[in-house]
Each structure stands twice: as C-alpha cells, then as structure tokens.
Amino acid sequence: YRAAVLGAGFGGFALGATPTAIANMSAVTKNYGPSPVAFVILPL
C-alpha cells in the first residue's frame, strides 16, 4: 500500500512539484487510509 501511495506522490513531483505530490498522496489516503511513512520520505 505504501508503494502505491508513493506512486501517486512520485507522479506528482516527477511532472510537477512537491506540493502536488503531497496533494496526490493526501487525496489517496483520504480515500483508502493513511500511510505516514510515505509523507516523511517523499518530501525529503
């Protein structure tokens, strides 16, 4: 699951920016459930 959330985030910053990546992950976790570690490692 964390890999899938990171996939959404990677799509956000690979083509856009870190805020877009986090927004993508936030939308996913609101729908399917949390993944705290993903929100730590991707911004770093």
ModelCIF file with pLDDT and N, C-alpha, C, O atoms, coordinates in Angstrom:
data_MODEL
#
_entry.id   MODEL 
#
_entity.id                         1 
_entity.type                       polymer 
_entity.pdbx_number_of_molecules   1 
#
_entity_poly.entity_id                      1 
_entity_poly.type                           'polypeptide(L)' 
_entity_poly.nstd_linkage                   no 
_entity_poly.nstd_monomer                   no 
_entity_poly.pdbx_seq_one_letter_code       YRAAVLGAGFGGFALGATPTAIANMSAVTKNYGPSPVAFVILPL 
_entity_poly.pdbx_seq_one_letter_code_can   YRAAVLGAGFGGFALGATPTAIANMSAVTKNYGPSPVAFVILPL 
_entity_poly.pdbx_strand_id                 A 
#
loop_
_entity_poly_seq.entity_id 
_entity_poly_seq.num 
_entity_poly_seq.mon_id 
_entity_poly_seq.hetero 
1 1  TYR n 
1 2  ARG n 
1 3  ALA n 
1 4  ALA n 
1 5  VAL n 
1 6  LEU n 
1 7  GLY n 
1 8  ALA n 
1 9  GLY n 
1 10 PHE n 
1 11 GLY n 
1 12 GLY n 
1 13 PHE n 
1 14 ALA n 
1 15 LEU n 
1 16 GLY n 
1 17 ALA n 
1 18 THR n 
1 19 PRO n 
1 20 THR n 
1 21 ALA n 
1 22 ILE n 
1 23 ALA n 
1 24 ASN n 
1 25 MET n 
1 26 SER n 
1 27 ALA n 
1 28 VAL n 
1 29 THR n 
1 30 LYS n 
1 31 ASN n 
1 32 TYR n 
1 33 GLY n 
1 34 PRO n 
1 35 SER n 
1 36 PRO n 
1 37 VAL n 
1 38 ALA n 
1 39 PHE n 
1 40 VAL n 
1 41 ILE n 
1 42 LEU n 
1 43 PRO n 
1 44 LEU n 
#
_struct_asym.id          A 
_struct_asym.entity_id   1 
#
loop_
_ma_qa_metric.id 
_ma_qa_metric.mode 
_ma_qa_metric.name 
_ma_qa_metric.software_group_id 
_ma_qa_metric.type 
1 global pLDDT . pLDDT 
2 local  pLDDT . pLDDT 
#
_ma_qa_metric_global.metric_id      1 
_ma_qa_metric_global.metric_value   89.80 
_ma_qa_metric_global.model_id       1 
_ma_qa_metric_global.ordinal_id     1 
#
loop_
_ma_qa_metric_local.label_asym_id 
_ma_qa_metric_local.label_comp_id 
_ma_qa_metric_local.label_seq_id 
_ma_qa_metric_local.metric_id 
_ma_qa_metric_local.metric_value 
_ma_qa_metric_local.model_id 
_ma_qa_metric_local.ordinal_id 
A TYR 1  2 95.00 1 1  
A ARG 2  2 94.00 1 2  
A ALA 3  2 96.00 1 3  
A ALA 4  2 96.00 1 4  
A VAL 5  2 95.00 1 5  
A LEU 6  2 96.00 1 6  
A GLY 7  2 96.00 1 7  
A ALA 8  2 96.00 1 8  
A GLY 9  2 95.00 1 9  
A PHE 10 2 96.00 1 10 
A GLY 11 2 95.00 1 11 
A GLY 12 2 92.00 1 12 
A PHE 13 2 90.00 1 13 
A ALA 14 2 93.00 1 14 
A LEU 15 2 93.00 1 15 
A GLY 16 2 87.00 1 16 
A ALA 17 2 83.00 1 17 
A THR 18 2 83.00 1 18 
A PRO 19 2 85.00 1 19 
A THR 20 2 90.00 1 20 
A ALA 21 2 90.00 1 21 
A ILE 22 2 88.00 1 22 
A ALA 23 2 89.00 1 23 
A ASN 24 2 92.00 1 24 
A MET 25 2 93.00 1 25 
A SER 26 2 90.00 1 26 
A ALA 27 2 90.00 1 27 
A VAL 28 2 92.00 1 28 
A THR 29 2 90.00 1 29 
A LYS 30 2 86.00 1 30 
A ASN 31 2 88.00 1 31 
A TYR 32 2 90.00 1 32 
A GLY 33 2 89.00 1 33 
A PRO 34 2 87.00 1 34 
A SER 35 2 88.00 1 35 
A PRO 36 2 84.00 1 36 
A VAL 37 2 85.00 1 37 
A ALA 38 2 88.00 1 38 
A PHE 39 2 85.00 1 39 
A VAL 40 2 82.00 1 40 
A ILE 41 2 88.00 1 41 
A LEU 42 2 89.00 1 42 
A PRO 43 2 83.00 1 43 
A LEU 44 2 79.00 1 44 
#
loop_
_atom_site.group_PDB 
_atom_site.id 
_atom_site.type_symbol 
_atom_site.label_atom_id 
_atom_site.label_alt_id 
_atom_site.label_comp_id 
_atom_site.label_asym_id 
_atom_site.label_entity_id 
_atom_site.label_seq_id 
_atom_site.pdbx_PDB_ins_code 
_atom_site.Cartn_x 
_atom_site.Cartn_y 
_atom_site.Cartn_z 
_atom_site.occupancy 
_atom_site.B_iso_or_equiv 
_atom_site.pdbx_formal_charge 
_atom_site.auth_seq_id 
_atom_site.auth_comp_id 
_atom_site.auth_asym_id 
_atom_site.auth_atom_id 
_atom_site.pdbx_PDB_model_num 
ATOM 1   N N  . TYR A 1 1  ? 0.824   -1.214 0.000   1.00 95.00 ? 1  TYR A N  1 
ATOM 2   C CA . TYR A 1 1  ? 0.000   0.000  0.000   1.00 95.00 ? 1  TYR A CA 1 
ATOM 3   C C  . TYR A 1 1  ? 0.858   1.265  0.000   1.00 95.00 ? 1  TYR A C  1 
ATOM 4   O O  . TYR A 1 1  ? 0.578   2.214  -0.732  1.00 95.00 ? 1  TYR A O  1 
ATOM 5   N N  . ARG A 1 2  ? 1.908   1.269  0.829   1.00 94.00 ? 2  ARG A N  1 
ATOM 6   C CA . ARG A 1 2  ? 2.779   2.445  0.866   1.00 94.00 ? 2  ARG A CA 1 
ATOM 7   C C  . ARG A 1 2  ? 3.416   2.705  -0.492  1.00 94.00 ? 2  ARG A C  1 
ATOM 8   O O  . ARG A 1 2  ? 3.560   3.858  -0.896  1.00 94.00 ? 2  ARG A O  1 
ATOM 9   N N  . ALA A 1 3  ? 3.798   1.647  -1.200  1.00 96.00 ? 3  ALA A N  1 
ATOM 10  C CA . ALA A 1 3  ? 4.381   1.808  -2.528  1.00 96.00 ? 3  ALA A CA 1 
ATOM 11  C C  . ALA A 1 3  ? 3.382   2.442  -3.492  1.00 96.00 ? 3  ALA A C  1 
ATOM 12  O O  . ALA A 1 3  ? 3.764   3.244  -4.345  1.00 96.00 ? 3  ALA A O  1 
ATOM 13  N N  . ALA A 1 4  ? 2.110   2.087  -3.359  1.00 96.00 ? 4  ALA A N  1 
ATOM 14  C CA . ALA A 1 4  ? 1.076   2.671  -4.215  1.00 96.00 ? 4  ALA A CA 1 
ATOM 15  C C  . ALA A 1 4  ? 0.883   4.148  -3.901  1.00 96.00 ? 4  ALA A C  1 
ATOM 16  O O  . ALA A 1 4  ? 0.742   4.966  -4.810  1.00 96.00 ? 4  ALA A O  1 
ATOM 17  N N  . VAL A 1 5  ? 0.876   4.496  -2.604  1.00 95.00 ? 5  VAL A N  1 
ATOM 18  C CA . VAL A 1 5  ? 0.758   5.909  -2.218  1.00 95.00 ? 5  VAL A CA 1 
ATOM 19  C C  . VAL A 1 5  ? 1.957   6.694  -2.718  1.00 95.00 ? 5  VAL A C  1 
ATOM 20  O O  . VAL A 1 5  ? 1.803   7.807  -3.220  1.00 95.00 ? 5  VAL A O  1 
ATOM 21  N N  . LEU A 1 6  ? 3.151   6.126  -2.585  1.00 96.00 ? 6  LEU A N  1 
ATOM 22  C CA . LEU A 1 6  ? 4.355   6.785  -3.104  1.00 96.00 ? 6  LEU A CA 1 
ATOM 23  C C  . LEU A 1 6  ? 4.295   6.920  -4.620  1.00 96.00 ? 6  LEU A C  1 
ATOM 24  O O  . LEU A 1 6  ? 4.831   7.878  -5.178  1.00 96.00 ? 6  LEU A O  1 
ATOM 25  N N  . GLY A 1 7  ? 3.646   5.971  -5.290  1.00 96.00 ? 7  GLY A N  1 
ATOM 26  C CA . GLY A 1 7  ? 3.476   6.084  -6.734  1.00 96.00 ? 7  GLY A CA 1 
ATOM 27  C C  . GLY A 1 7  ? 2.669   7.315  -7.111  1.00 96.00 ? 7  GLY A C  1 
ATOM 28  O O  . GLY A 1 7  ? 3.007   8.023  -8.060  1.00 96.00 ? 7  GLY A O  1 
ATOM 29  N N  . ALA A 1 8  ? 1.590   7.568  -6.355  1.00 96.00 ? 8  ALA A N  1 
ATOM 30  C CA . ALA A 1 8  ? 0.791   8.777  -6.590  1.00 96.00 ? 8  ALA A CA 1 
ATOM 31  C C  . ALA A 1 8  ? 1.629   10.024 -6.353  1.00 96.00 ? 8  ALA A C  1 
ATOM 32  O O  . ALA A 1 8  ? 1.558   10.985 -7.120  1.00 96.00 ? 8  ALA A O  1 
ATOM 33  N N  . GLY A 1 9  ? 2.427   10.005 -5.280  1.00 95.00 ? 9  GLY A N  1 
ATOM 34  C CA . GLY A 1 9  ? 3.283   11.144 -4.988  1.00 95.00 ? 9  GLY A CA 1 
ATOM 35  C C  . GLY A 1 9  ? 4.367   11.333 -6.021  1.00 95.00 ? 9  GLY A C  1 
ATOM 36  O O  . GLY A 1 9  ? 4.667   12.462 -6.407  1.00 95.00 ? 9  GLY A O  1 
ATOM 37  N N  . PHE A 1 10 ? 4.964   10.234 -6.480  1.00 96.00 ? 10 PHE A N  1 
ATOM 38  C CA . PHE A 1 10 ? 6.022   10.330 -7.482  1.00 96.00 ? 10 PHE A CA 1 
ATOM 39  C C  . PHE A 1 10 ? 5.480   10.937 -8.774  1.00 96.00 ? 10 PHE A C  1 
ATOM 40  O O  . PHE A 1 10 ? 6.147   11.754 -9.409  1.00 96.00 ? 10 PHE A O  1 
ATOM 41  N N  . GLY A 1 11 ? 4.275   10.538 -9.160  1.00 95.00 ? 11 GLY A N  1 
ATOM 42  C CA . GLY A 1 11 ? 3.660   11.149 -10.333 1.00 95.00 ? 11 GLY A CA 1 
ATOM 43  C C  . GLY A 1 11 ? 3.484   12.641 -10.162 1.00 95.00 ? 11 GLY A C  1 
ATOM 44  O O  . GLY A 1 11 ? 3.553   13.397 -11.130 1.00 95.00 ? 11 GLY A O  1 
ATOM 45  N N  . GLY A 1 12 ? 3.253   13.073 -8.907  1.00 92.00 ? 12 GLY A N  1 
ATOM 46  C CA . GLY A 1 12 ? 3.072   14.494 -8.641  1.00 92.00 ? 12 GLY A CA 1 
ATOM 47  C C  . GLY A 1 12 ? 4.346   15.298 -8.781  1.00 92.00 ? 12 GLY A C  1 
ATOM 48  O O  . GLY A 1 12 ? 4.340   16.361 -9.402  1.00 92.00 ? 12 GLY A O  1 
ATOM 49  N N  . PHE A 1 13 ? 5.459   14.805 -8.205  1.00 90.00 ? 13 PHE A N  1 
ATOM 50  C CA . PHE A 1 13 ? 6.662   15.634 -8.275  1.00 90.00 ? 13 PHE A CA 1 
ATOM 51  C C  . PHE A 1 13 ? 7.517   15.343 -9.507  1.00 90.00 ? 13 PHE A C  1 
ATOM 52  O O  . PHE A 1 13 ? 8.335   16.180 -9.890  1.00 90.00 ? 13 PHE A O  1 
ATOM 53  N N  . ALA A 1 14 ? 7.350   14.170 -10.143 1.00 93.00 ? 14 ALA A N  1 
ATOM 54  C CA . ALA A 1 14 ? 8.114   13.878 -11.348 1.00 93.00 ? 14 ALA A CA 1 
ATOM 55  C C  . ALA A 1 14 ? 7.718   14.789 -12.496 1.00 93.00 ? 14 ALA A C  1 
ATOM 56  O O  . ALA A 1 14 ? 8.542   15.107 -13.355 1.00 93.00 ? 14 ALA A O  1 
ATOM 57  N N  . LEU A 1 15 ? 6.458   15.212 -12.516 1.00 93.00 ? 15 LEU A N  1 
ATOM 58  C CA . LEU A 1 15 ? 5.983   16.113 -13.566 1.00 93.00 ? 15 LEU A CA 1 
ATOM 59  C C  . LEU A 1 15 ? 5.616   17.494 -13.037 1.00 93.00 ? 15 LEU A C  1 
ATOM 60  O O  . LEU A 1 15 ? 5.408   18.423 -13.817 1.00 93.00 ? 15 LEU A O  1 
ATOM 61  N N  . GLY A 1 16 ? 5.537   17.633 -11.728 1.00 87.00 ? 16 GLY A N  1 
ATOM 62  C CA . GLY A 1 16 ? 5.069   18.904 -11.182 1.00 87.00 ? 16 GLY A CA 1 
ATOM 63  C C  . GLY A 1 16 ? 5.948   19.440 -10.089 1.00 87.00 ? 16 GLY A C  1 
ATOM 64  O O  . GLY A 1 16 ? 6.998   20.021 -10.364 1.00 87.00 ? 16 GLY A O  1 
ATOM 65  N N  . ALA A 1 17 ? 5.532   19.253 -8.830  1.00 83.00 ? 17 ALA A N  1 
ATOM 66  C CA . ALA A 1 17 ? 6.262   19.829 -7.704  1.00 83.00 ? 17 ALA A CA 1 
ATOM 67  C C  . ALA A 1 17 ? 5.898   19.061 -6.448  1.00 83.00 ? 17 ALA A C  1 
ATOM 68  O O  . ALA A 1 17 ? 4.937   18.293 -6.431  1.00 83.00 ? 17 ALA A O  1 
ATOM 69  N N  . THR A 1 18 ? 6.680   19.277 -5.391  1.00 83.00 ? 18 THR A N  1 
ATOM 70  C CA . THR A 1 18 ? 6.440   18.577 -4.130  1.00 83.00 ? 18 THR A CA 1 
ATOM 71  C C  . THR A 1 18 ? 5.018   18.810 -3.595  1.00 83.00 ? 18 THR A C  1 
ATOM 72  O O  . THR A 1 18 ? 4.384   17.843 -3.172  1.00 83.00 ? 18 THR A O  1 
ATOM 73  N N  . PRO A 1 19 ? 4.487   20.032 -3.590  1.00 85.00 ? 19 PRO A N  1 
ATOM 74  C CA . PRO A 1 19 ? 3.110   20.208 -3.104  1.00 85.00 ? 19 PRO A CA 1 
ATOM 75  C C  . PRO A 1 19 ? 2.090   19.387 -3.885  1.00 85.00 ? 19 PRO A C  1 
ATOM 76  O O  . PRO A 1 19 ? 1.137   18.863 -3.307  1.00 85.00 ? 19 PRO A O  1 
ATOM 77  N N  . THR A 1 20 ? 2.289   19.275 -5.201  1.00 90.00 ? 20 THR A N  1 
ATOM 78  C CA . THR A 1 20 ? 1.383   18.455 -5.998  1.00 90.00 ? 20 THR A CA 1 
ATOM 79  C C  . THR A 1 20 ? 1.486   16.994 -5.597  1.00 90.00 ? 20 THR A C  1 
ATOM 80  O O  . THR A 1 20 ? 0.482   16.285 -5.525  1.00 90.00 ? 20 THR A O  1 
ATOM 81  N N  . ALA A 1 21 ? 2.715   16.550 -5.336  1.00 90.00 ? 21 ALA A N  1 
ATOM 82  C CA . ALA A 1 21 ? 2.925   15.168 -4.904  1.00 90.00 ? 21 ALA A CA 1 
ATOM 83  C C  . ALA A 1 21 ? 2.184   14.886 -3.605  1.00 90.00 ? 21 ALA A C  1 
ATOM 84  O O  . ALA A 1 21 ? 1.510   13.864 -3.476  1.00 90.00 ? 21 ALA A O  1 
ATOM 85  N N  . ILE A 1 22 ? 2.312   15.796 -2.642  1.00 88.00 ? 22 ILE A N  1 
ATOM 86  C CA . ILE A 1 22 ? 1.665   15.593 -1.342  1.00 88.00 ? 22 ILE A CA 1 
ATOM 87  C C  . ILE A 1 22 ? 0.150   15.665 -1.486  1.00 88.00 ? 22 ILE A C  1 
ATOM 88  O O  . ILE A 1 22 ? -0.573  14.923 -0.822  1.00 88.00 ? 22 ILE A O  1 
ATOM 89  N N  . ALA A 1 23 ? -0.331  16.553 -2.350  1.00 89.00 ? 23 ALA A N  1 
ATOM 90  C CA . ALA A 1 23 ? -1.780  16.639 -2.576  1.00 89.00 ? 23 ALA A CA 1 
ATOM 91  C C  . ALA A 1 23 ? -2.307  15.341 -3.173  1.00 89.00 ? 23 ALA A C  1 
ATOM 92  O O  . ALA A 1 23 ? -3.378  14.870 -2.791  1.00 89.00 ? 23 ALA A O  1 
ATOM 93  N N  . ASN A 1 24 ? -1.558  14.760 -4.113  1.00 92.00 ? 24 ASN A N  1 
ATOM 94  C CA . ASN A 1 24 ? -1.957  13.473 -4.684  1.00 92.00 ? 24 ASN A CA 1 
ATOM 95  C C  . ASN A 1 24 ? -2.036  12.401 -3.601  1.00 92.00 ? 24 ASN A C  1 
ATOM 96  O O  . ASN A 1 24 ? -3.014  11.657 -3.526  1.00 92.00 ? 24 ASN A O  1 
ATOM 97  N N  . MET A 1 25 ? -1.003  12.325 -2.761  1.00 93.00 ? 25 MET A N  1 
ATOM 98  C CA . MET A 1 25 ? -0.983  11.307 -1.705  1.00 93.00 ? 25 MET A CA 1 
ATOM 99  C C  . MET A 1 25 ? -2.088  11.553 -0.686  1.00 93.00 ? 25 MET A C  1 
ATOM 100 O O  . MET A 1 25 ? -2.699  10.611 -0.182  1.00 93.00 ? 25 MET A O  1 
ATOM 101 N N  . SER A 1 26 ? -2.340  12.824 -0.387  1.00 90.00 ? 26 SER A N  1 
ATOM 102 C CA . SER A 1 26 ? -3.398  13.150 0.560   1.00 90.00 ? 26 SER A CA 1 
ATOM 103 C C  . SER A 1 26 ? -4.760  12.707 0.044   1.00 90.00 ? 26 SER A C  1 
ATOM 104 O O  . SER A 1 26 ? -5.563  12.157 0.798   1.00 90.00 ? 26 SER A O  1 
ATOM 105 N N  . ALA A 1 27 ? -5.026  12.946 -1.246  1.00 90.00 ? 27 ALA A N  1 
ATOM 106 C CA . ALA A 1 27 ? -6.303  12.525 -1.831  1.00 90.00 ? 27 ALA A CA 1 
ATOM 107 C C  . ALA A 1 27 ? -6.446  11.005 -1.773  1.00 90.00 ? 27 ALA A C  1 
ATOM 108 O O  . ALA A 1 27 ? -7.533  10.484 -1.525  1.00 90.00 ? 27 ALA A O  1 
ATOM 109 N N  . VAL A 1 28 ? -5.333  10.300 -2.006  1.00 92.00 ? 28 VAL A N  1 
ATOM 110 C CA . VAL A 1 28 ? -5.371  8.832  -1.967  1.00 92.00 ? 28 VAL A CA 1 
ATOM 111 C C  . VAL A 1 28 ? -5.643  8.329  -0.552  1.00 92.00 ? 28 VAL A C  1 
ATOM 112 O O  . VAL A 1 28 ? -6.489  7.458  -0.351  1.00 92.00 ? 28 VAL A O  1 
ATOM 113 N N  . THR A 1 29 ? -4.925  8.881  0.428   1.00 90.00 ? 29 THR A N  1 
ATOM 114 C CA . THR A 1 29 ? -5.072  8.390  1.807   1.00 90.00 ? 29 THR A CA 1 
ATOM 115 C C  . THR A 1 29 ? -6.422  8.776  2.414   1.00 90.00 ? 29 THR A C  1 
ATOM 116 O O  . THR A 1 29 ? -6.928  8.069  3.285   1.00 90.00 ? 29 THR A O  1 
ATOM 117 N N  . LYS A 1 30 ? -7.008  9.882  1.968   1.00 86.00 ? 30 LYS A N  1 
ATOM 118 C CA . LYS A 1 30 ? -8.357  10.207 2.421   1.00 86.00 ? 30 LYS A CA 1 
ATOM 119 C C  . LYS A 1 30 ? -9.351  9.142  1.977   1.00 86.00 ? 30 LYS A C  1 
ATOM 120 O O  . LYS A 1 30 ? -10.339 8.866  2.657   1.00 86.00 ? 30 LYS A O  1 
ATOM 121 N N  . ASN A 1 31 ? -9.072  8.558  0.836   1.00 88.00 ? 31 ASN A N  1 
ATOM 122 C CA . ASN A 1 31 ? -9.986  7.588  0.254   1.00 88.00 ? 31 ASN A CA 1 
ATOM 123 C C  . ASN A 1 31 ? -9.746  6.173  0.768   1.00 88.00 ? 31 ASN A C  1 
ATOM 124 O O  . ASN A 1 31 ? -10.694 5.431  1.027   1.00 88.00 ? 31 ASN A O  1 
ATOM 125 N N  . TYR A 1 32 ? -8.460  5.797  0.916   1.00 90.00 ? 32 TYR A N  1 
ATOM 126 C CA . TYR A 1 32 ? -8.136  4.403  1.212   1.00 90.00 ? 32 TYR A CA 1 
ATOM 127 C C  . TYR A 1 32 ? -7.529  4.166  2.591   1.00 90.00 ? 32 TYR A C  1 
ATOM 128 O O  . TYR A 1 32 ? -7.539  3.038  3.082   1.00 90.00 ? 32 TYR A O  1 
ATOM 129 N N  . GLY A 1 33 ? -7.003  5.210  3.219   1.00 89.00 ? 33 GLY A N  1 
ATOM 130 C CA . GLY A 1 33 ? -6.394  5.019  4.530   1.00 89.00 ? 33 GLY A CA 1 
ATOM 131 C C  . GLY A 1 33 ? -4.991  5.609  4.596   1.00 89.00 ? 33 GLY A C  1 
ATOM 132 O O  . GLY A 1 33 ? -4.382  5.867  3.558   1.00 89.00 ? 33 GLY A O  1 
ATOM 133 N N  . PRO A 1 34 ? -4.467  5.827  5.814   1.00 87.00 ? 34 PRO A N  1 
ATOM 134 C CA . PRO A 1 34 ? -3.213  6.568  5.997   1.00 87.00 ? 34 PRO A CA 1 
ATOM 135 C C  . PRO A 1 34 ? -1.962  5.773  5.626   1.00 87.00 ? 34 PRO A C  1 
ATOM 136 O O  . PRO A 1 34 ? -1.969  4.544  5.555   1.00 87.00 ? 34 PRO A O  1 
ATOM 137 N N  . SER A 1 35 ? -0.889  6.528  5.394   1.00 88.00 ? 35 SER A N  1 
ATOM 138 C CA . SER A 1 35 ? 0.436   5.951  5.145   1.00 88.00 ? 35 SER A CA 1 
ATOM 139 C C  . SER A 1 35 ? 1.471   6.976  5.596   1.00 88.00 ? 35 SER A C  1 
ATOM 140 O O  . SER A 1 35 ? 2.083   7.640  4.759   1.00 88.00 ? 35 SER A O  1 
ATOM 141 N N  . PRO A 1 36 ? 1.675   7.116  6.909   1.00 84.00 ? 36 PRO A N  1 
ATOM 142 C CA . PRO A 1 36 ? 2.519   8.192  7.445   1.00 84.00 ? 36 PRO A CA 1 
ATOM 143 C C  . PRO A 1 36 ? 3.951   8.204  6.927   1.00 84.00 ? 36 PRO A C  1 
ATOM 144 O O  . PRO A 1 36 ? 4.502   9.276  6.678   1.00 84.00 ? 36 PRO A O  1 
ATOM 145 N N  . VAL A 1 37 ? 4.568   7.033  6.758   1.00 85.00 ? 37 VAL A N  1 
ATOM 146 C CA . VAL A 1 37 ? 5.969   6.991  6.328   1.00 85.00 ? 37 VAL A CA 1 
ATOM 147 C C  . VAL A 1 37 ? 6.127   7.599  4.938   1.00 85.00 ? 37 VAL A C  1 
ATOM 148 O O  . VAL A 1 37 ? 7.137   8.244  4.657   1.00 85.00 ? 37 VAL A O  1 
ATOM 149 N N  . ALA A 1 38 ? 5.153   7.402  4.078   1.00 88.00 ? 38 ALA A N  1 
ATOM 150 C CA . ALA A 1 38 ? 5.214   7.968  2.729   1.00 88.00 ? 38 ALA A CA 1 
ATOM 151 C C  . ALA A 1 38 ? 5.298   9.493  2.780   1.00 88.00 ? 38 ALA A C  1 
ATOM 152 O O  . ALA A 1 38 ? 5.983   10.110 1.964   1.00 88.00 ? 38 ALA A O  1 
ATOM 153 N N  . PHE A 1 39 ? 4.596   10.099 3.747   1.00 85.00 ? 39 PHE A N  1 
ATOM 154 C CA . PHE A 1 39 ? 4.590   11.551 3.853   1.00 85.00 ? 39 PHE A CA 1 
ATOM 155 C C  . PHE A 1 39 ? 5.901   12.092 4.433   1.00 85.00 ? 39 PHE A C  1 
ATOM 156 O O  . PHE A 1 39 ? 6.157   13.295 4.375   1.00 85.00 ? 39 PHE A O  1 
ATOM 157 N N  . VAL A 1 40 ? 6.720   11.215 4.983   1.00 82.00 ? 40 VAL A N  1 
ATOM 158 C CA . VAL A 1 40 ? 8.023   11.636 5.505   1.00 82.00 ? 40 VAL A CA 1 
ATOM 159 C C  . VAL A 1 40 ? 9.095   11.517 4.438   1.00 82.00 ? 40 VAL A C  1 
ATOM 160 O O  . VAL A 1 40 ? 9.860   12.456 4.216   1.00 82.00 ? 40 VAL A O  1 
ATOM 161 N N  . ILE A 1 41 ? 9.157   10.354 3.768   1.00 88.00 ? 41 ILE A N  1 
ATOM 162 C CA . ILE A 1 41 ? 10.295  10.109 2.888   1.00 88.00 ? 41 ILE A CA 1 
ATOM 163 C C  . ILE A 1 41 ? 10.182  10.838 1.556   1.00 88.00 ? 41 ILE A C  1 
ATOM 164 O O  . ILE A 1 41 ? 11.194  11.273 1.007   1.00 88.00 ? 41 ILE A O  1 
ATOM 165 N N  . LEU A 1 42 ? 8.966   10.979 1.025   1.00 89.00 ? 42 LEU A N  1 
ATOM 166 C CA . LEU A 1 42 ? 8.879   11.625 -0.293  1.00 89.00 ? 42 LEU A CA 1 
ATOM 167 C C  . LEU A 1 42 ? 9.318   13.095 -0.263  1.00 89.00 ? 42 LEU A C  1 
ATOM 168 O O  . LEU A 1 42 ? 10.077  13.507 -1.141  1.00 89.00 ? 42 LEU A O  1 
ATOM 169 N N  . PRO A 1 43 ? 8.872   13.910 0.717   1.00 83.00 ? 43 PRO A N  1 
ATOM 170 C CA . PRO A 1 43 ? 9.360   15.301 0.732   1.00 83.00 ? 43 PRO A CA 1 
ATOM 171 C C  . PRO A 1 43 ? 10.879  15.411 0.909   1.00 83.00 ? 43 PRO A C  1 
ATOM 172 O O  . PRO A 1 43 ? 11.502  16.319 0.360   1.00 83.00 ? 43 PRO A O  1 
ATOM 173 N N  . LEU A 1 44 ? 11.475  14.485 1.677   1.00 79.00 ? 44 LEU A N  1 
ATOM 174 C CA . LEU A 1 44 ? 12.923  14.537 1.855   1.00 79.00 ? 44 LEU A CA 1 
ATOM 175 C C  . LEU A 1 44 ? 13.644  14.301 0.531   1.00 79.00 ? 44 LEU A C  1 
ATOM 176 O O  . LEU A 1 44 ? 14.875  14.309 0.488   1.00 79.00 ? 44 LEU A O  1 
#
